[in-house]
Amino acid sequence: MATITTNAQAGGFSSSVLLAPFRAIGRFMIMLAEASPQMRALHRLSEVSDEELAAKGLTRDGEVRRILGGAAAI
């Protein structure tokens, strides 16, 4: 039995050239969203256990509503 391995590349236009700016814009938008104070507060909230919140008399749902304000209803 014979095995043949080939690594042929097409000489045509690569779609990655067209997609590169869109990927860069997407990464930038994610970076902006993650840098917001709300996202940082939500990240800190995710690190707190439900038991710790209950000990403080808080609920996760209530804290999310407090952090996000009116945007939590969306």
Protein backbone atom coordinates (compact mmCIF):
# COMPACT_ATOMS: atom_id res chain seq x y z
CA MET A 1 0.00 0.00 0.00
CA ALA A 2 1.34 3.40 -0.97
CA THR A 3 0.69 6.73 0.73
CA ILE A 4 1.14 10.06 -0.98
CA THR A 5 1.20 13.39 0.83
CA THR A 6 0.92 16.61 -1.12
CA ASN A 7 0.99 20.19 0.02
CA ALA A 8 -0.32 22.08 -2.95
CA GLN A 9 -1.46 25.67 -2.48
CA ALA A 10 -3.70 27.44 -4.91
CA GLY A 11 -2.12 30.40 -6.59
CA GLY A 12 -5.41 32.31 -6.41
CA PHE A 13 -6.66 35.01 -4.09
CA SER A 14 -6.93 34.11 -0.40
CA SER A 15 -10.11 35.05 1.45
CA SER A 16 -8.08 35.68 4.60
CA VAL A 17 -6.93 38.97 3.07
CA LEU A 18 -10.53 40.16 2.88
CA LEU A 19 -11.44 38.86 6.33
CA ALA A 20 -8.43 40.31 8.20
CA PRO A 21 -9.90 43.83 8.71
CA PHE A 22 -13.17 42.39 9.99
CA ARG A 23 -11.34 40.14 12.43
CA ALA A 24 -9.33 43.11 13.68
CA ILE A 25 -12.49 45.20 14.15
CA GLY A 26 -14.14 42.31 16.01
CA ARG A 27 -11.16 41.88 18.34
CA PHE A 28 -11.14 45.65 19.00
CA MET A 29 -14.87 45.67 19.85
CA ILE A 30 -14.42 42.75 22.25
CA MET A 31 -11.49 44.54 23.88
CA LEU A 32 -13.62 47.68 24.37
CA ALA A 33 -16.52 45.71 25.84
CA GLU A 34 -14.29 43.81 28.26
CA ALA A 35 -12.66 47.05 29.42
CA SER A 36 -15.96 48.60 30.56
CA PRO A 37 -16.56 49.04 34.30
CA GLN A 38 -19.76 46.98 34.05
CA MET A 39 -17.93 44.00 32.59
CA ARG A 40 -15.24 44.23 35.27
CA ALA A 41 -17.95 44.31 37.96
CA LEU A 42 -19.71 41.32 36.40
CA HIS A 43 -16.40 39.44 36.30
CA ARG A 44 -15.84 40.15 40.01
CA LEU A 45 -19.42 39.01 40.71
CA SER A 46 -18.81 35.74 38.87
CA GLU A 47 -15.90 35.03 41.21
CA VAL A 48 -18.15 35.29 44.29
CA SER A 49 -20.03 32.17 45.37
CA ASP A 50 -23.77 32.13 45.98
CA GLU A 51 -23.07 31.31 49.63
CA GLU A 52 -20.94 34.44 50.03
CA LEU A 53 -23.66 36.56 48.44
CA ALA A 54 -26.30 35.01 50.71
CA ALA A 55 -24.13 35.76 53.75
CA LYS A 56 -24.21 39.43 52.72
CA GLY A 57 -27.97 39.28 52.17
CA LEU A 58 -27.62 39.64 48.39
CA THR A 59 -28.75 37.61 45.40
CA ARG A 60 -26.88 37.15 42.14
CA ASP A 61 -29.92 38.34 40.19
CA GLY A 62 -30.19 41.48 42.30
CA GLU A 63 -26.51 42.26 41.87
CA VAL A 64 -26.70 41.82 38.10
CA ARG A 65 -29.64 44.23 38.02
CA ARG A 66 -27.72 46.70 40.18
CA ILE A 67 -24.62 46.51 37.97
CA LEU A 68 -26.40 46.66 34.63
CA GLY A 69 -29.27 48.95 35.65
CA GLY A 70 -31.92 49.20 32.93
CA ALA A 71 -29.83 47.13 30.51
CA ALA A 72 -30.49 44.02 32.63
CA ALA A 73 -34.09 43.90 31.41
CA ILE A 74 -33.03 43.45 27.79
